[in-house]
Amino acid sequence: MNIDFKLTEKAFADLGFDFAKHMTQFHITPFFEDYETGKINNTEFVKGIQQIAGAPLTEKEIIHAWNALLLDFPLERIELLEKLKKKYRIFLLSNTNALHYEAFQQTFYSLTGKRLEDIFEKTYYSHTVNLRKPDVAIYKLVLDENKLKAEQTLFIDDTASNFSPAQQAGIQTFHLKKPMQITEIPLFTEQSKNAGKL
């Protein structure tokens, strides 16, 4: 899914709250980490934002600003995953939270008539497994639960800080650096050209 943290930063800034002090793609404060690892629920999260912001923000305003970073699911990426899963075991590992989960599942269903669980063999969301990248334990959880061989497992991510723990677990990694798209990874490009062989 395309995301843009700047949109959430701007949405909160418009409400008088400096969100970037607390969370970006590259750092997170304990309160937000607690939310993304399921230690606090939606109600506690909204109340916490109201307290941190020190401004009379409504629940609706907070949720709208929080979800502003969620954009779209390009169809070509979904089509690629559908092709790859015919040959490979594919899993989703995401740092996310209950509000984002509900929103992006609705977006995905509206586009495809499916849920993400229909695309992947299994999905792992930080707020449901109570672990978050880059904790090495979350990578080991995926490996162990699915009896995967680390050296035969490829982890793709766009955040460099997530790789060292994955590599410690023995997993192969690929840094998807902007502006590269997952559909442009050489291995996958070749697989797409030879889709009939998958």
N, C-alpha and C. Protein backbone atom coordinates (compact mmCIF):
# COMPACT_ATOMS: atom_id res chain seq x y z
N MET A 1 0.84 -1.18 0.00
CA MET A 1 0.00 0.00 0.00
C MET A 1 0.88 1.24 0.00
N ASN A 2 0.52 2.21 -0.81
CA ASN A 2 1.23 3.48 -0.77
C ASN A 2 0.84 4.22 0.51
N ILE A 3 1.84 4.76 1.20
CA ILE A 3 1.58 5.57 2.38
C ILE A 3 2.43 6.83 2.32
N ASP A 4 1.98 7.86 3.01
CA ASP A 4 2.72 9.12 3.05
C ASP A 4 2.58 9.71 4.46
N PHE A 5 3.62 9.51 5.27
CA PHE A 5 3.60 10.01 6.65
C PHE A 5 3.40 11.53 6.71
N LYS A 6 3.85 12.22 5.68
CA LYS A 6 3.74 13.68 5.67
C LYS A 6 2.27 14.12 5.71
N LEU A 7 1.39 13.31 5.15
CA LEU A 7 -0.03 13.67 5.14
C LEU A 7 -0.62 13.63 6.54
N THR A 8 -0.21 12.64 7.33
CA THR A 8 -0.67 12.57 8.72
C THR A 8 -0.03 13.69 9.55
N GLU A 9 1.26 13.96 9.29
CA GLU A 9 1.92 15.06 9.98
C GLU A 9 1.18 16.38 9.71
N LYS A 10 0.83 16.61 8.43
CA LYS A 10 0.13 17.85 8.07
C LYS A 10 -1.26 17.91 8.68
N ALA A 11 -1.97 16.76 8.63
CA ALA A 11 -3.33 16.73 9.17
C ALA A 11 -3.34 17.06 10.66
N PHE A 12 -2.36 16.52 11.40
CA PHE A 12 -2.27 16.84 12.83
C PHE A 12 -1.78 18.27 13.05
N ALA A 13 -0.86 18.72 12.21
CA ALA A 13 -0.37 20.10 12.33
C ALA A 13 -1.52 21.09 12.15
N ASP A 14 -2.42 20.76 11.23
CA ASP A 14 -3.58 21.63 11.00
C ASP A 14 -4.48 21.68 12.23
N LEU A 15 -4.35 20.63 13.08
CA LEU A 15 -5.13 20.59 14.32
C LEU A 15 -4.35 21.15 15.51
N GLY A 16 -3.10 21.59 15.23
CA GLY A 16 -2.29 22.16 16.29
C GLY A 16 -1.45 21.16 17.05
N PHE A 17 -1.22 19.98 16.47
CA PHE A 17 -0.46 18.92 17.14
C PHE A 17 0.77 18.56 16.31
N ASP A 18 1.96 18.64 16.91
CA ASP A 18 3.21 18.33 16.20
C ASP A 18 3.46 16.83 16.26
N PHE A 19 2.83 16.11 15.37
CA PHE A 19 2.87 14.65 15.34
C PHE A 19 4.29 14.12 15.11
N ALA A 20 5.06 14.79 14.27
CA ALA A 20 6.39 14.29 13.88
C ALA A 20 7.34 14.15 15.07
N LYS A 21 7.05 14.83 16.17
CA LYS A 21 7.89 14.69 17.37
C LYS A 21 7.73 13.30 17.99
N HIS A 22 6.63 12.66 17.68
CA HIS A 22 6.29 11.41 18.34
C HIS A 22 6.43 10.18 17.46
N MET A 23 6.25 10.36 16.15
CA MET A 23 6.32 9.19 15.27
C MET A 23 6.59 9.61 13.84
N THR A 24 7.51 8.88 13.19
CA THR A 24 7.74 8.96 11.75
C THR A 24 7.93 7.52 11.28
N GLN A 25 8.25 7.36 10.01
CA GLN A 25 8.54 6.02 9.51
C GLN A 25 9.79 5.44 10.16
N PHE A 26 10.63 6.33 10.71
CA PHE A 26 11.95 5.90 11.18
C PHE A 26 12.13 5.94 12.70
N HIS A 27 11.20 6.55 13.42
CA HIS A 27 11.30 6.51 14.89
C HIS A 27 9.90 6.57 15.49
N ILE A 28 9.81 6.08 16.73
CA ILE A 28 8.50 5.99 17.38
C ILE A 28 8.69 6.15 18.89
N THR A 29 7.80 6.89 19.54
CA THR A 29 7.87 7.07 20.99
C THR A 29 7.09 5.93 21.66
N PRO A 30 7.33 5.70 22.96
CA PRO A 30 6.70 4.57 23.65
C PRO A 30 5.18 4.50 23.54
N PHE A 31 4.51 5.63 23.61
CA PHE A 31 3.04 5.63 23.53
C PHE A 31 2.55 5.04 22.21
N PHE A 32 3.15 5.49 21.11
CA PHE A 32 2.74 4.99 19.80
C PHE A 32 3.18 3.55 19.60
N GLU A 33 4.32 3.19 20.17
CA GLU A 33 4.77 1.80 20.09
C GLU A 33 3.80 0.89 20.84
N ASP A 34 3.32 1.36 21.98
CA ASP A 34 2.33 0.57 22.74
C ASP A 34 1.07 0.33 21.92
N TYR A 35 0.68 1.34 21.14
CA TYR A 35 -0.52 1.18 20.31
C TYR A 35 -0.25 0.19 19.17
N GLU A 36 0.92 0.28 18.58
CA GLU A 36 1.24 -0.60 17.45
C GLU A 36 1.59 -2.02 17.88
N THR A 37 1.75 -2.23 19.17
CA THR A 37 1.97 -3.61 19.64
C THR A 37 0.76 -4.10 20.46
N GLY A 38 -0.35 -3.41 20.32
CA GLY A 38 -1.60 -3.87 20.90
C GLY A 38 -1.72 -3.75 22.40
N LYS A 39 -0.85 -2.95 23.02
CA LYS A 39 -0.90 -2.81 24.48
C LYS A 39 -1.97 -1.83 24.93
N ILE A 40 -2.42 -0.98 24.03
CA ILE A 40 -3.53 -0.08 24.33
C ILE A 40 -4.54 -0.18 23.19
N ASN A 41 -5.81 0.03 23.50
CA ASN A 41 -6.86 -0.09 22.48
C ASN A 41 -7.17 1.26 21.83
N ASN A 42 -8.13 1.27 20.92
CA ASN A 42 -8.44 2.49 20.18
C ASN A 42 -8.89 3.63 21.09
N THR A 43 -9.72 3.31 22.06
CA THR A 43 -10.23 4.34 22.97
C THR A 43 -9.08 4.97 23.77
N GLU A 44 -8.20 4.12 24.27
CA GLU A 44 -7.04 4.61 25.03
C GLU A 44 -6.11 5.42 24.14
N PHE A 45 -5.99 5.00 22.88
CA PHE A 45 -5.14 5.72 21.93
C PHE A 45 -5.68 7.12 21.68
N VAL A 46 -6.96 7.23 21.41
CA VAL A 46 -7.58 8.53 21.14
C VAL A 46 -7.44 9.44 22.36
N LYS A 47 -7.73 8.91 23.54
CA LYS A 47 -7.60 9.71 24.76
C LYS A 47 -6.16 10.14 24.98
N GLY A 48 -5.23 9.25 24.66
CA GLY A 48 -3.82 9.58 24.82
C GLY A 48 -3.40 10.71 23.90
N ILE A 49 -3.88 10.68 22.65
CA ILE A 49 -3.58 11.77 21.71
C ILE A 49 -4.14 13.08 22.23
N GLN A 50 -5.34 13.04 22.75
CA GLN A 50 -5.96 14.26 23.29
C GLN A 50 -5.11 14.84 24.41
N GLN A 51 -4.57 13.97 25.26
CA GLN A 51 -3.75 14.43 26.38
C GLN A 51 -2.41 14.97 25.89
N ILE A 52 -1.78 14.25 24.95
CA ILE A 52 -0.47 14.67 24.43
C ILE A 52 -0.59 15.98 23.68
N ALA A 53 -1.64 16.10 22.88
CA ALA A 53 -1.82 17.30 22.05
C ALA A 53 -2.11 18.53 22.89
N GLY A 54 -2.76 18.31 24.01
CA GLY A 54 -3.11 19.45 24.85
C GLY A 54 -4.06 20.40 24.15
N ALA A 55 -4.86 19.85 23.24
CA ALA A 55 -5.83 20.64 22.49
C ALA A 55 -7.15 19.88 22.45
N PRO A 56 -8.26 20.59 22.30
CA PRO A 56 -9.58 19.94 22.31
C PRO A 56 -9.88 19.23 20.99
N LEU A 57 -9.17 18.14 20.71
CA LEU A 57 -9.38 17.40 19.48
C LEU A 57 -10.48 16.36 19.68
N THR A 58 -11.35 16.24 18.69
CA THR A 58 -12.41 15.23 18.78
C THR A 58 -11.89 13.88 18.30
N GLU A 59 -12.60 12.83 18.67
CA GLU A 59 -12.23 11.48 18.23
C GLU A 59 -12.22 11.41 16.70
N LYS A 60 -13.22 12.01 16.07
CA LYS A 60 -13.31 11.98 14.60
C LYS A 60 -12.12 12.68 13.97
N GLU A 61 -11.72 13.82 14.52
CA GLU A 61 -10.57 14.56 13.98
C GLU A 61 -9.28 13.75 14.11
N ILE A 62 -9.11 13.10 15.23
CA ILE A 62 -7.90 12.31 15.48
C ILE A 62 -7.83 11.13 14.52
N ILE A 63 -8.93 10.41 14.37
CA ILE A 63 -8.94 9.24 13.50
C ILE A 63 -8.71 9.65 12.05
N HIS A 64 -9.33 10.74 11.63
CA HIS A 64 -9.15 11.23 10.25
C HIS A 64 -7.68 11.60 10.00
N ALA A 65 -7.06 12.30 10.93
CA ALA A 65 -5.66 12.69 10.77
C ALA A 65 -4.74 11.47 10.82
N TRP A 66 -5.03 10.56 11.73
CA TRP A 66 -4.22 9.35 11.90
C TRP A 66 -4.22 8.50 10.63
N ASN A 67 -5.38 8.42 9.97
CA ASN A 67 -5.50 7.59 8.77
C ASN A 67 -5.13 8.32 7.48
N ALA A 68 -4.79 9.59 7.58
CA ALA A 68 -4.50 10.38 6.38
C ALA A 68 -3.33 9.81 5.57
N LEU A 69 -2.40 9.14 6.23
CA LEU A 69 -1.22 8.62 5.53
C LEU A 69 -1.53 7.44 4.62
N LEU A 70 -2.68 6.79 4.82
CA LEU A 70 -3.04 5.62 4.03
C LEU A 70 -3.56 6.04 2.66
N LEU A 71 -2.92 5.55 1.61
CA LEU A 71 -3.31 5.94 0.27
C LEU A 71 -3.98 4.78 -0.47
N ASP A 72 -3.33 4.28 -1.54
CA ASP A 72 -3.99 3.30 -2.39
C ASP A 72 -3.19 2.01 -2.53
N PHE A 73 -3.83 1.01 -3.11
CA PHE A 73 -3.20 -0.27 -3.45
C PHE A 73 -3.10 -0.34 -4.98
N PRO A 74 -1.94 -0.09 -5.57
CA PRO A 74 -1.82 -0.20 -7.02
C PRO A 74 -2.12 -1.62 -7.48
N LEU A 75 -2.97 -1.75 -8.47
CA LEU A 75 -3.41 -3.06 -8.93
C LEU A 75 -2.26 -3.93 -9.43
N GLU A 76 -1.23 -3.31 -10.02
CA GLU A 76 -0.14 -4.11 -10.55
C GLU A 76 0.62 -4.84 -9.44
N ARG A 77 0.64 -4.28 -8.24
CA ARG A 77 1.30 -4.96 -7.12
C ARG A 77 0.48 -6.16 -6.67
N ILE A 78 -0.83 -5.99 -6.63
CA ILE A 78 -1.71 -7.09 -6.24
C ILE A 78 -1.61 -8.22 -7.27
N GLU A 79 -1.60 -7.86 -8.54
CA GLU A 79 -1.48 -8.86 -9.60
C GLU A 79 -0.16 -9.61 -9.48
N LEU A 80 0.92 -8.91 -9.14
CA LEU A 80 2.21 -9.56 -8.96
C LEU A 80 2.15 -10.58 -7.83
N LEU A 81 1.56 -10.19 -6.70
CA LEU A 81 1.46 -11.10 -5.57
C LEU A 81 0.63 -12.34 -5.93
N GLU A 82 -0.45 -12.14 -6.68
CA GLU A 82 -1.29 -13.27 -7.09
C GLU A 82 -0.49 -14.25 -7.94
N LYS A 83 0.41 -13.73 -8.77
CA LYS A 83 1.25 -14.60 -9.60
C LYS A 83 2.32 -15.30 -8.77
N LEU A 84 2.95 -14.53 -7.87
CA LEU A 84 4.04 -15.10 -7.07
C LEU A 84 3.56 -16.20 -6.13
N LYS A 85 2.35 -16.06 -5.62
CA LYS A 85 1.90 -17.05 -4.64
C LYS A 85 1.62 -18.41 -5.27
N LYS A 86 1.60 -18.46 -6.61
CA LYS A 86 1.44 -19.75 -7.29
C LYS A 86 2.72 -20.58 -7.20
N LYS A 87 3.82 -19.89 -6.96
CA LYS A 87 5.12 -20.59 -6.90
C LYS A 87 5.77 -20.49 -5.52
N TYR A 88 5.54 -19.38 -4.83
CA TYR A 88 6.22 -19.14 -3.55
C TYR A 88 5.21 -19.02 -2.41
N ARG A 89 5.68 -19.27 -1.21
CA ARG A 89 4.90 -19.01 -0.01
C ARG A 89 5.11 -17.54 0.33
N ILE A 90 4.05 -16.76 0.38
CA ILE A 90 4.20 -15.33 0.65
C ILE A 90 3.45 -14.95 1.92
N PHE A 91 4.09 -14.08 2.69
CA PHE A 91 3.56 -13.66 3.99
C PHE A 91 3.61 -12.13 4.09
N LEU A 92 2.71 -11.58 4.86
CA LEU A 92 2.69 -10.15 5.12
C LEU A 92 3.10 -9.90 6.56
N LEU A 93 4.10 -9.05 6.76
CA LEU A 93 4.58 -8.66 8.09
C LEU A 93 4.54 -7.15 8.16
N SER A 94 3.66 -6.61 8.98
CA SER A 94 3.44 -5.16 8.98
C SER A 94 3.39 -4.57 10.38
N ASN A 95 4.09 -3.45 10.55
CA ASN A 95 3.90 -2.62 11.73
C ASN A 95 2.65 -1.79 11.49
N THR A 96 1.60 -2.05 12.26
CA THR A 96 0.36 -1.31 12.05
C THR A 96 -0.42 -1.27 13.35
N ASN A 97 -1.68 -0.95 13.28
CA ASN A 97 -2.50 -0.77 14.47
C ASN A 97 -3.96 -0.97 14.09
N ALA A 98 -4.82 -1.03 15.08
CA ALA A 98 -6.22 -1.39 14.84
C ALA A 98 -6.95 -0.42 13.92
N LEU A 99 -6.73 0.89 14.09
CA LEU A 99 -7.42 1.86 13.24
C LEU A 99 -6.94 1.78 11.80
N HIS A 100 -5.64 1.68 11.59
CA HIS A 100 -5.11 1.56 10.23
C HIS A 100 -5.57 0.25 9.60
N TYR A 101 -5.55 -0.81 10.38
CA TYR A 101 -5.95 -2.13 9.88
C TYR A 101 -7.37 -2.08 9.32
N GLU A 102 -8.29 -1.53 10.09
CA GLU A 102 -9.67 -1.45 9.64
C GLU A 102 -9.79 -0.62 8.37
N ALA A 103 -9.07 0.49 8.31
CA ALA A 103 -9.15 1.38 7.15
C ALA A 103 -8.55 0.75 5.90
N PHE A 104 -7.36 0.15 6.00
CA PHE A 104 -6.76 -0.39 4.78
C PHE A 104 -7.45 -1.67 4.32
N GLN A 105 -8.03 -2.43 5.23
CA GLN A 105 -8.79 -3.60 4.81
C GLN A 105 -10.04 -3.18 4.02
N GLN A 106 -10.68 -2.10 4.44
CA GLN A 106 -11.85 -1.60 3.73
C GLN A 106 -11.46 -1.12 2.33
N THR A 107 -10.32 -0.42 2.25
CA THR A 107 -9.84 0.06 0.95
C THR A 107 -9.53 -1.11 0.03
N PHE A 108 -8.86 -2.12 0.57
CA PHE A 108 -8.48 -3.28 -0.23
C PHE A 108 -9.71 -4.05 -0.70
N TYR A 109 -10.69 -4.21 0.18
CA TYR A 109 -11.91 -4.94 -0.18
C TYR A 109 -12.70 -4.19 -1.25
N SER A 110 -12.76 -2.87 -1.13
CA SER A 110 -13.48 -2.06 -2.12
C SER A 110 -12.85 -2.20 -3.49
N LEU A 111 -11.53 -2.36 -3.52
CA LEU A 111 -10.81 -2.47 -4.79
C LEU A 111 -10.88 -3.87 -5.37
N THR A 112 -10.77 -4.89 -4.53
CA THR A 112 -10.60 -6.25 -5.03
C THR A 112 -11.73 -7.23 -4.67
N GLY A 113 -12.54 -6.88 -3.70
CA GLY A 113 -13.55 -7.82 -3.23
C GLY A 113 -12.93 -8.90 -2.34
N LYS A 114 -11.68 -8.69 -1.95
CA LYS A 114 -10.95 -9.64 -1.11
C LYS A 114 -10.38 -8.93 0.10
N ARG A 115 -9.89 -9.74 1.05
CA ARG A 115 -9.12 -9.22 2.17
C ARG A 115 -7.66 -9.60 1.94
N LEU A 116 -6.77 -8.95 2.62
CA LEU A 116 -5.35 -9.26 2.46
C LEU A 116 -5.06 -10.72 2.83
N GLU A 117 -5.83 -11.26 3.74
CA GLU A 117 -5.67 -12.65 4.13
C GLU A 117 -5.96 -13.61 2.98
N ASP A 118 -6.67 -13.14 1.96
CA ASP A 118 -6.94 -13.97 0.79
C ASP A 118 -5.75 -14.00 -0.17
N ILE A 119 -4.84 -13.05 -0.03
CA ILE A 119 -3.69 -12.95 -0.92
C ILE A 119 -2.48 -13.69 -0.35
N PHE A 120 -2.27 -13.52 0.94
CA PHE A 120 -1.10 -14.10 1.60
C PHE A 120 -1.43 -15.41 2.31
N GLU A 121 -0.42 -16.27 2.42
CA GLU A 121 -0.62 -17.52 3.17
C GLU A 121 -0.97 -17.21 4.61
N LYS A 122 -0.30 -16.21 5.17
CA LYS A 122 -0.61 -15.77 6.52
C LYS A 122 -0.17 -14.32 6.68
N THR A 123 -0.90 -13.58 7.50
CA THR A 123 -0.57 -12.18 7.73
C THR A 123 -0.18 -11.98 9.19
N TYR A 124 0.81 -11.12 9.40
CA TYR A 124 1.28 -10.79 10.75
C TYR A 124 1.24 -9.28 10.93
N TYR A 125 0.40 -8.84 11.85
CA TYR A 125 0.27 -7.41 12.14
C TYR A 125 0.78 -7.16 13.56
N SER A 126 1.58 -6.13 13.71
CA SER A 126 2.23 -5.88 15.00
C SER A 126 1.24 -5.78 16.15
N HIS A 127 0.08 -5.18 15.90
CA HIS A 127 -0.87 -4.97 17.01
C HIS A 127 -1.58 -6.25 17.42
N THR A 128 -1.53 -7.29 16.58
CA THR A 128 -2.17 -8.56 16.96
C THR A 128 -1.18 -9.58 17.50
N VAL A 129 0.09 -9.47 17.11
CA VAL A 129 1.09 -10.41 17.63
C VAL A 129 1.90 -9.81 18.78
N ASN A 130 1.63 -8.54 19.09
CA ASN A 130 2.27 -7.83 20.21
C ASN A 130 3.79 -7.73 20.07
N LEU A 131 4.23 -7.69 18.83
CA LEU A 131 5.64 -7.49 18.50
C LEU A 131 5.70 -6.54 17.31
N ARG A 132 6.86 -5.89 17.17
CA ARG A 132 6.97 -4.89 16.12
C ARG A 132 8.37 -4.94 15.50
N LYS A 133 8.44 -4.81 14.17
CA LYS A 133 9.74 -4.64 13.54
C LYS A 133 10.39 -3.39 14.11
N PRO A 134 11.67 -3.37 14.39
CA PRO A 134 12.68 -4.37 14.04
C PRO A 134 13.04 -5.37 15.16
N ASP A 135 12.14 -5.67 16.05
CA ASP A 135 12.41 -6.68 17.08
C ASP A 135 12.68 -8.02 16.40
N VAL A 136 13.82 -8.62 16.66
CA VAL A 136 14.18 -9.88 16.01
C VAL A 136 13.15 -10.97 16.30
N ALA A 137 12.44 -10.86 17.41
CA ALA A 137 11.45 -11.88 17.78
C ALA A 137 10.32 -12.00 16.77
N ILE A 138 9.97 -10.90 16.11
CA ILE A 138 8.85 -10.97 15.17
C ILE A 138 9.24 -11.73 13.91
N TYR A 139 10.52 -11.64 13.53
CA TYR A 139 10.99 -12.39 12.37
C TYR A 139 11.05 -13.88 12.71
N LYS A 140 11.52 -14.17 13.91
CA LYS A 140 11.61 -15.57 14.34
C LYS A 140 10.22 -16.18 14.48
N LEU A 141 9.25 -15.37 14.87
CA LEU A 141 7.88 -15.85 14.99
C LEU A 141 7.36 -16.34 13.64
N VAL A 142 7.58 -15.54 12.61
CA VAL A 142 7.12 -15.92 11.27
C VAL A 142 7.83 -17.18 10.80
N LEU A 143 9.14 -17.23 11.01
CA LEU A 143 9.92 -18.41 10.60
C LEU A 143 9.43 -19.67 11.32
N ASP A 144 9.30 -19.58 12.64
CA ASP A 144 8.98 -20.75 13.45
C ASP A 144 7.56 -21.25 13.21
N GLU A 145 6.59 -20.33 13.17
CA GLU A 145 5.20 -20.75 13.00
C GLU A 145 4.96 -21.43 11.65
N ASN A 146 5.75 -21.05 10.66
CA ASN A 146 5.51 -21.56 9.32
C ASN A 146 6.59 -22.53 8.83
N LYS A 147 7.48 -22.90 9.79
CA LYS A 147 8.56 -23.85 9.48
C LYS A 147 9.33 -23.44 8.24
N LEU A 148 9.70 -22.16 8.21
CA LEU A 148 10.46 -21.62 7.09
C LEU A 148 11.96 -21.73 7.36
N LYS A 149 12.72 -21.99 6.33
CA LYS A 149 14.17 -21.96 6.43
C LYS A 149 14.62 -20.54 6.20
N ALA A 150 15.29 -19.96 7.20
CA ALA A 150 15.66 -18.55 7.13
C ALA A 150 16.46 -18.22 5.88
N GLU A 151 17.41 -19.09 5.53
CA GLU A 151 18.28 -18.81 4.39
C GLU A 151 17.53 -18.87 3.05
N GLN A 152 16.34 -19.44 3.07
CA GLN A 152 15.52 -19.52 1.85
C GLN A 152 14.36 -18.53 1.89
N THR A 153 14.41 -17.63 2.86
CA THR A 153 13.34 -16.65 3.04
C THR A 153 13.84 -15.26 2.68
N LEU A 154 13.06 -14.55 1.88
CA LEU A 154 13.41 -13.19 1.46
C LEU A 154 12.46 -12.20 2.13
N PHE A 155 13.04 -11.21 2.81
CA PHE A 155 12.27 -10.15 3.46
C PHE A 155 12.48 -8.86 2.68
N ILE A 156 11.39 -8.26 2.22
CA ILE A 156 11.44 -7.02 1.45
C ILE A 156 10.81 -5.92 2.28
N ASP A 157 11.50 -4.79 2.39
CA ASP A 157 11.00 -3.68 3.20
C ASP A 157 11.59 -2.39 2.67
N ASP A 158 10.93 -1.28 2.98
CA ASP A 158 11.44 0.02 2.52
C ASP A 158 12.13 0.81 3.64
N THR A 159 12.26 0.21 4.82
CA THR A 159 12.89 0.89 5.96
C THR A 159 14.17 0.16 6.35
N ALA A 160 15.30 0.81 6.17
CA ALA A 160 16.61 0.18 6.36
C ALA A 160 16.81 -0.38 7.77
N SER A 161 16.28 0.29 8.79
CA SER A 161 16.49 -0.15 10.17
C SER A 161 15.85 -1.50 10.48
N ASN A 162 14.98 -1.97 9.60
CA ASN A 162 14.32 -3.26 9.84
C ASN A 162 15.16 -4.46 9.40
N PHE A 163 16.30 -4.20 8.73
CA PHE A 163 17.03 -5.31 8.13
C PHE A 163 18.00 -6.03 9.05
N SER A 164 18.71 -5.31 9.90
CA SER A 164 19.73 -5.95 10.72
C SER A 164 19.17 -7.09 11.57
N PRO A 165 18.05 -6.91 12.28
CA PRO A 165 17.50 -8.02 13.07
C PRO A 165 17.04 -9.18 12.19
N ALA A 166 16.50 -8.89 11.02
CA ALA A 166 16.08 -9.96 10.10
C ALA A 166 17.30 -10.76 9.66
N GLN A 167 18.39 -10.05 9.38
CA GLN A 167 19.62 -10.72 8.97
C GLN A 167 20.20 -11.54 10.13
N GLN A 168 20.05 -11.02 11.36
CA GLN A 168 20.49 -11.78 12.54
C GLN A 168 19.75 -13.11 12.64
N ALA A 169 18.50 -13.11 12.17
CA ALA A 169 17.69 -14.33 12.19
C ALA A 169 18.02 -15.23 11.00
N GLY A 170 18.95 -14.77 10.15
CA GLY A 170 19.38 -15.58 9.02
C GLY A 170 18.61 -15.36 7.74
N ILE A 171 17.71 -14.36 7.73
CA ILE A 171 16.84 -14.10 6.59
C ILE A 171 17.57 -13.26 5.53
N GLN A 172 17.32 -13.56 4.27
CA GLN A 172 17.81 -12.74 3.17
C GLN A 172 16.96 -11.47 3.12
N THR A 173 17.56 -10.34 2.73
CA THR A 173 16.81 -9.08 2.71
C THR A 173 16.99 -8.34 1.40
N PHE A 174 16.00 -7.52 1.08
CA PHE A 174 16.07 -6.63 -0.08
C PHE A 174 15.48 -5.29 0.31
N HIS A 175 16.29 -4.23 0.17
CA HIS A 175 15.85 -2.89 0.52
C HIS A 175 15.15 -2.25 -0.68
N LEU A 176 13.86 -2.05 -0.55
CA LEU A 176 13.08 -1.43 -1.61
C LEU A 176 13.17 0.09 -1.46
N LYS A 177 14.18 0.66 -2.09
CA LYS A 177 14.44 2.09 -1.96
C LYS A 177 13.60 2.88 -2.95
N LYS A 178 13.03 3.98 -2.47
CA LYS A 178 12.29 4.85 -3.37
C LYS A 178 13.23 5.39 -4.44
N PRO A 179 12.77 5.54 -5.66
CA PRO A 179 11.38 5.37 -6.13
C PRO A 179 11.07 3.98 -6.68
N MET A 180 11.95 3.00 -6.42
CA MET A 180 11.69 1.65 -6.95
C MET A 180 10.38 1.09 -6.41
N GLN A 181 9.65 0.41 -7.28
CA GLN A 181 8.43 -0.28 -6.91
C GLN A 181 8.71 -1.78 -6.81
N ILE A 182 7.91 -2.49 -6.06
CA ILE A 182 8.12 -3.94 -5.92
C ILE A 182 8.04 -4.65 -7.26
N THR A 183 7.25 -4.10 -8.16
CA THR A 183 7.10 -4.69 -9.49
C THR A 183 8.36 -4.51 -10.34
N GLU A 184 9.31 -3.70 -9.86
CA GLU A 184 10.54 -3.44 -10.61
C GLU A 184 11.72 -4.25 -10.10
N ILE A 185 11.54 -5.04 -9.05
CA ILE A 185 12.61 -5.90 -8.56
C ILE A 185 12.95 -6.90 -9.67
N PRO A 186 14.21 -6.99 -10.07
CA PRO A 186 14.59 -7.85 -11.21
C PRO A 186 14.02 -9.27 -11.15
N LEU A 187 14.12 -9.93 -10.01
CA LEU A 187 13.60 -11.29 -9.89
C LEU A 187 12.12 -11.33 -10.23
N PHE A 188 11.35 -10.38 -9.71
CA PHE A 188 9.91 -10.39 -9.93
C PHE A 188 9.56 -9.97 -11.35
N THR A 189 10.38 -9.10 -11.92
CA THR A 189 10.15 -8.70 -13.31
C THR A 189 10.25 -9.91 -14.22
N GLU A 190 11.26 -10.72 -13.98
CA GLU A 190 11.44 -11.92 -14.79
C GLU A 190 10.30 -12.90 -14.56
N GLN A 191 9.86 -13.03 -13.30
CA GLN A 191 8.75 -13.93 -13.01
C GLN A 191 7.48 -13.47 -13.71
N SER A 192 7.28 -12.16 -13.78
CA SER A 192 6.08 -11.62 -14.43
C SER A 192 6.11 -11.91 -15.93
N LYS A 193 7.31 -11.82 -16.51
CA LYS A 193 7.43 -12.09 -17.95
C LYS A 193 7.13 -13.56 -18.26
N ASN A 194 7.43 -14.41 -17.27
CA ASN A 194 7.24 -15.84 -17.46
C ASN A 194 6.09 -16.37 -16.60
N ALA A 195 5.05 -15.55 -16.50
CA ALA A 195 3.94 -15.88 -15.59
C ALA A 195 3.34 -17.25 -15.88
N GLY A 196 3.36 -17.67 -17.13
CA GLY A 196 2.78 -18.96 -17.47
C GLY A 196 3.52 -20.11 -16.87
N LYS A 197 4.76 -19.87 -16.43
CA LYS A 197 5.57 -20.94 -15.83
C LYS A 197 5.38 -21.02 -14.32
N LEU A 198 4.70 -20.04 -13.75
CA LEU A 198 4.54 -20.03 -12.30
C LEU A 198 3.57 -21.12 -11.85
